[in-house]
Amino acid sequence: MVLHLLLDAEIAGVWSERDVAQALGSEAHAAHALVSLHASGLIHRLEELVFPTRPAVRFWQLEEGAGG
């Protein structure tokens, strides 16, 4: 769900960790998801900001194109 938030064309962009937690309704779930996504190489973390990596964005674009 977190990666979807970061990649969705309507709301994509740079998010703060706090905004992600608010969107999920749980700081613990957001923190766990962000750690996992970062460890997997799907997001970048810059202090309290998070945003998707280029490979994550490209995969999303390919998936959207294939599904549409």
N, C-alpha and C. Protein backbone atom coordinates (compact mmCIF):
# COMPACT_ATOMS: atom_id res chain seq x y z
N MET A 1 0.82 -1.19 0.00
CA MET A 1 0.00 0.00 0.00
C MET A 1 0.87 1.26 0.00
N VAL A 2 1.96 1.24 0.73
CA VAL A 2 2.84 2.41 0.79
C VAL A 2 3.46 2.69 -0.57
N LEU A 3 3.93 1.65 -1.24
CA LEU A 3 4.52 1.86 -2.56
C LEU A 3 3.46 2.39 -3.52
N HIS A 4 2.25 1.91 -3.42
CA HIS A 4 1.16 2.42 -4.25
C HIS A 4 0.95 3.91 -4.01
N LEU A 5 0.98 4.34 -2.76
CA LEU A 5 0.85 5.77 -2.44
C LEU A 5 1.94 6.59 -3.11
N LEU A 6 3.16 6.08 -3.05
CA LEU A 6 4.29 6.82 -3.59
C LEU A 6 4.31 6.84 -5.11
N LEU A 7 3.68 5.86 -5.74
CA LEU A 7 3.72 5.75 -7.19
C LEU A 7 2.45 6.21 -7.90
N ASP A 8 1.35 6.32 -7.20
CA ASP A 8 0.09 6.70 -7.81
C ASP A 8 0.21 8.07 -8.48
N ALA A 9 -0.15 8.14 -9.75
CA ALA A 9 0.01 9.37 -10.55
C ALA A 9 -0.77 10.55 -9.97
N GLU A 10 -1.88 10.28 -9.31
CA GLU A 10 -2.70 11.35 -8.75
C GLU A 10 -2.04 12.02 -7.53
N ILE A 11 -1.26 11.24 -6.79
CA ILE A 11 -0.70 11.76 -5.54
C ILE A 11 0.80 11.50 -5.40
N ALA A 12 1.43 11.04 -6.46
CA ALA A 12 2.85 10.67 -6.40
C ALA A 12 3.74 11.87 -6.10
N GLY A 13 4.89 11.58 -5.58
CA GLY A 13 5.86 12.63 -5.29
C GLY A 13 6.67 12.27 -4.07
N VAL A 14 7.26 13.27 -3.48
CA VAL A 14 8.05 13.09 -2.27
C VAL A 14 7.10 13.20 -1.08
N TRP A 15 7.17 12.22 -0.22
CA TRP A 15 6.33 12.19 0.98
C TRP A 15 7.21 12.27 2.22
N SER A 16 6.68 12.81 3.28
CA SER A 16 7.37 12.72 4.56
C SER A 16 6.94 11.42 5.22
N GLU A 17 7.78 10.91 6.09
CA GLU A 17 7.43 9.70 6.82
C GLU A 17 6.15 9.92 7.62
N ARG A 18 5.98 11.11 8.13
CA ARG A 18 4.79 11.45 8.91
C ARG A 18 3.53 11.37 8.04
N ASP A 19 3.61 11.89 6.80
CA ASP A 19 2.47 11.84 5.88
C ASP A 19 2.10 10.40 5.53
N VAL A 20 3.10 9.57 5.34
CA VAL A 20 2.85 8.15 5.06
C VAL A 20 2.13 7.51 6.25
N ALA A 21 2.60 7.79 7.45
CA ALA A 21 1.98 7.24 8.65
C ALA A 21 0.53 7.71 8.78
N GLN A 22 0.28 8.97 8.48
CA GLN A 22 -1.09 9.49 8.54
C GLN A 22 -1.98 8.82 7.49
N ALA A 23 -1.45 8.61 6.30
CA ALA A 23 -2.22 7.97 5.23
C ALA A 23 -2.57 6.53 5.60
N LEU A 24 -1.66 5.85 6.28
CA LEU A 24 -1.90 4.46 6.70
C LEU A 24 -2.71 4.37 7.99
N GLY A 25 -2.65 5.43 8.77
CA GLY A 25 -3.33 5.39 10.06
C GLY A 25 -2.56 4.67 11.14
N SER A 26 -1.26 4.44 10.89
CA SER A 26 -0.44 3.73 11.87
C SER A 26 1.03 4.06 11.67
N GLU A 27 1.64 4.62 12.68
CA GLU A 27 3.07 4.92 12.60
C GLU A 27 3.90 3.64 12.53
N ALA A 28 3.49 2.63 13.28
CA ALA A 28 4.24 1.36 13.31
C ALA A 28 4.21 0.67 11.96
N HIS A 29 3.04 0.60 11.34
CA HIS A 29 2.94 -0.04 10.02
C HIS A 29 3.72 0.75 8.97
N ALA A 30 3.63 2.07 9.03
CA ALA A 30 4.36 2.90 8.08
C ALA A 30 5.87 2.71 8.25
N ALA A 31 6.35 2.71 9.47
CA ALA A 31 7.78 2.55 9.72
C ALA A 31 8.26 1.20 9.21
N HIS A 32 7.50 0.14 9.48
CA HIS A 32 7.88 -1.19 9.01
C HIS A 32 7.89 -1.25 7.49
N ALA A 33 6.87 -0.70 6.85
CA ALA A 33 6.79 -0.71 5.39
C ALA A 33 7.95 0.07 4.77
N LEU A 34 8.26 1.21 5.32
CA LEU A 34 9.33 2.04 4.77
C LEU A 34 10.69 1.36 4.91
N VAL A 35 10.93 0.73 6.03
CA VAL A 35 12.19 0.00 6.23
C VAL A 35 12.29 -1.13 5.21
N SER A 36 11.20 -1.87 5.03
CA SER A 36 11.19 -2.99 4.09
C SER A 36 11.38 -2.53 2.65
N LEU A 37 10.67 -1.48 2.26
CA LEU A 37 10.80 -0.96 0.90
C LEU A 37 12.20 -0.41 0.63
N HIS A 38 12.78 0.24 1.62
CA HIS A 38 14.14 0.76 1.46
C HIS A 38 15.14 -0.37 1.35
N ALA A 39 14.99 -1.38 2.17
CA ALA A 39 15.90 -2.54 2.12
C ALA A 39 15.79 -3.28 0.80
N SER A 40 14.61 -3.23 0.19
CA SER A 40 14.38 -3.89 -1.10
C SER A 40 14.83 -3.04 -2.28
N GLY A 41 15.25 -1.81 -2.02
CA GLY A 41 15.70 -0.93 -3.09
C GLY A 41 14.57 -0.28 -3.87
N LEU A 42 13.38 -0.22 -3.27
CA LEU A 42 12.23 0.35 -3.98
C LEU A 42 11.96 1.81 -3.63
N ILE A 43 12.54 2.29 -2.54
CA ILE A 43 12.40 3.70 -2.18
C ILE A 43 13.74 4.25 -1.72
N HIS A 44 13.85 5.56 -1.86
CA HIS A 44 14.98 6.30 -1.29
C HIS A 44 14.48 6.97 -0.02
N ARG A 45 15.39 7.11 0.93
CA ARG A 45 15.08 7.85 2.16
C ARG A 45 16.12 8.96 2.30
N LEU A 46 15.64 10.16 2.46
CA LEU A 46 16.49 11.32 2.67
C LEU A 46 15.98 12.05 3.89
N GLU A 47 16.64 11.80 5.01
CA GLU A 47 16.18 12.27 6.31
C GLU A 47 14.76 11.78 6.52
N GLU A 48 13.76 12.68 6.66
CA GLU A 48 12.39 12.22 6.90
C GLU A 48 11.57 12.10 5.62
N LEU A 49 12.20 12.28 4.47
CA LEU A 49 11.49 12.21 3.20
C LEU A 49 11.70 10.86 2.52
N VAL A 50 10.67 10.40 1.81
CA VAL A 50 10.75 9.14 1.07
C VAL A 50 10.19 9.35 -0.33
N PHE A 51 10.77 8.63 -1.29
CA PHE A 51 10.28 8.69 -2.66
C PHE A 51 10.76 7.43 -3.39
N PRO A 52 10.02 7.03 -4.44
CA PRO A 52 10.34 5.78 -5.12
C PRO A 52 11.63 5.86 -5.94
N THR A 53 12.29 4.73 -6.08
CA THR A 53 13.48 4.65 -6.93
C THR A 53 13.04 4.60 -8.40
N ARG A 54 13.96 4.86 -9.29
CA ARG A 54 13.65 4.79 -10.73
C ARG A 54 13.17 3.41 -11.15
N PRO A 55 13.81 2.33 -10.70
CA PRO A 55 13.29 1.01 -11.08
C PRO A 55 11.85 0.77 -10.62
N ALA A 56 11.50 1.26 -9.44
CA ALA A 56 10.13 1.10 -8.95
C ALA A 56 9.16 1.88 -9.84
N VAL A 57 9.54 3.09 -10.21
CA VAL A 57 8.69 3.91 -11.08
C VAL A 57 8.53 3.25 -12.45
N ARG A 58 9.63 2.76 -13.00
CA ARG A 58 9.57 2.14 -14.33
C ARG A 58 8.71 0.88 -14.31
N PHE A 59 8.86 0.06 -13.29
CA PHE A 59 8.02 -1.13 -13.17
C PHE A 59 6.55 -0.74 -13.10
N TRP A 60 6.24 0.28 -12.32
CA TRP A 60 4.87 0.76 -12.20
C TRP A 60 4.34 1.20 -13.57
N GLN A 61 5.17 1.93 -14.32
CA GLN A 61 4.74 2.38 -15.65
C GLN A 61 4.47 1.20 -16.57
N LEU A 62 5.31 0.20 -16.52
CA LEU A 62 5.11 -0.99 -17.36
C LEU A 62 3.85 -1.75 -16.95
N GLU A 63 3.61 -1.85 -15.66
CA GLU A 63 2.40 -2.52 -15.17
C GLU A 63 1.15 -1.77 -15.57
N GLU A 64 1.18 -0.45 -15.46
CA GLU A 64 0.03 0.37 -15.82
C GLU A 64 -0.25 0.26 -17.32
N GLY A 65 0.80 0.24 -18.13
CA GLY A 65 0.65 0.12 -19.57
C GLY A 65 0.09 -1.23 -19.97
N ALA A 66 0.52 -2.27 -19.28
CA ALA A 66 0.07 -3.63 -19.59
C ALA A 66 -1.37 -3.85 -19.16
N GLY A 67 -1.75 -3.18 -18.08
CA GLY A 67 -3.10 -3.37 -17.58
C GLY A 67 -4.14 -2.51 -18.27
N GLY A 68 -3.69 -1.47 -18.97
CA GLY A 68 -4.64 -0.53 -19.56
C GLY A 68 -4.87 -0.76 -20.95
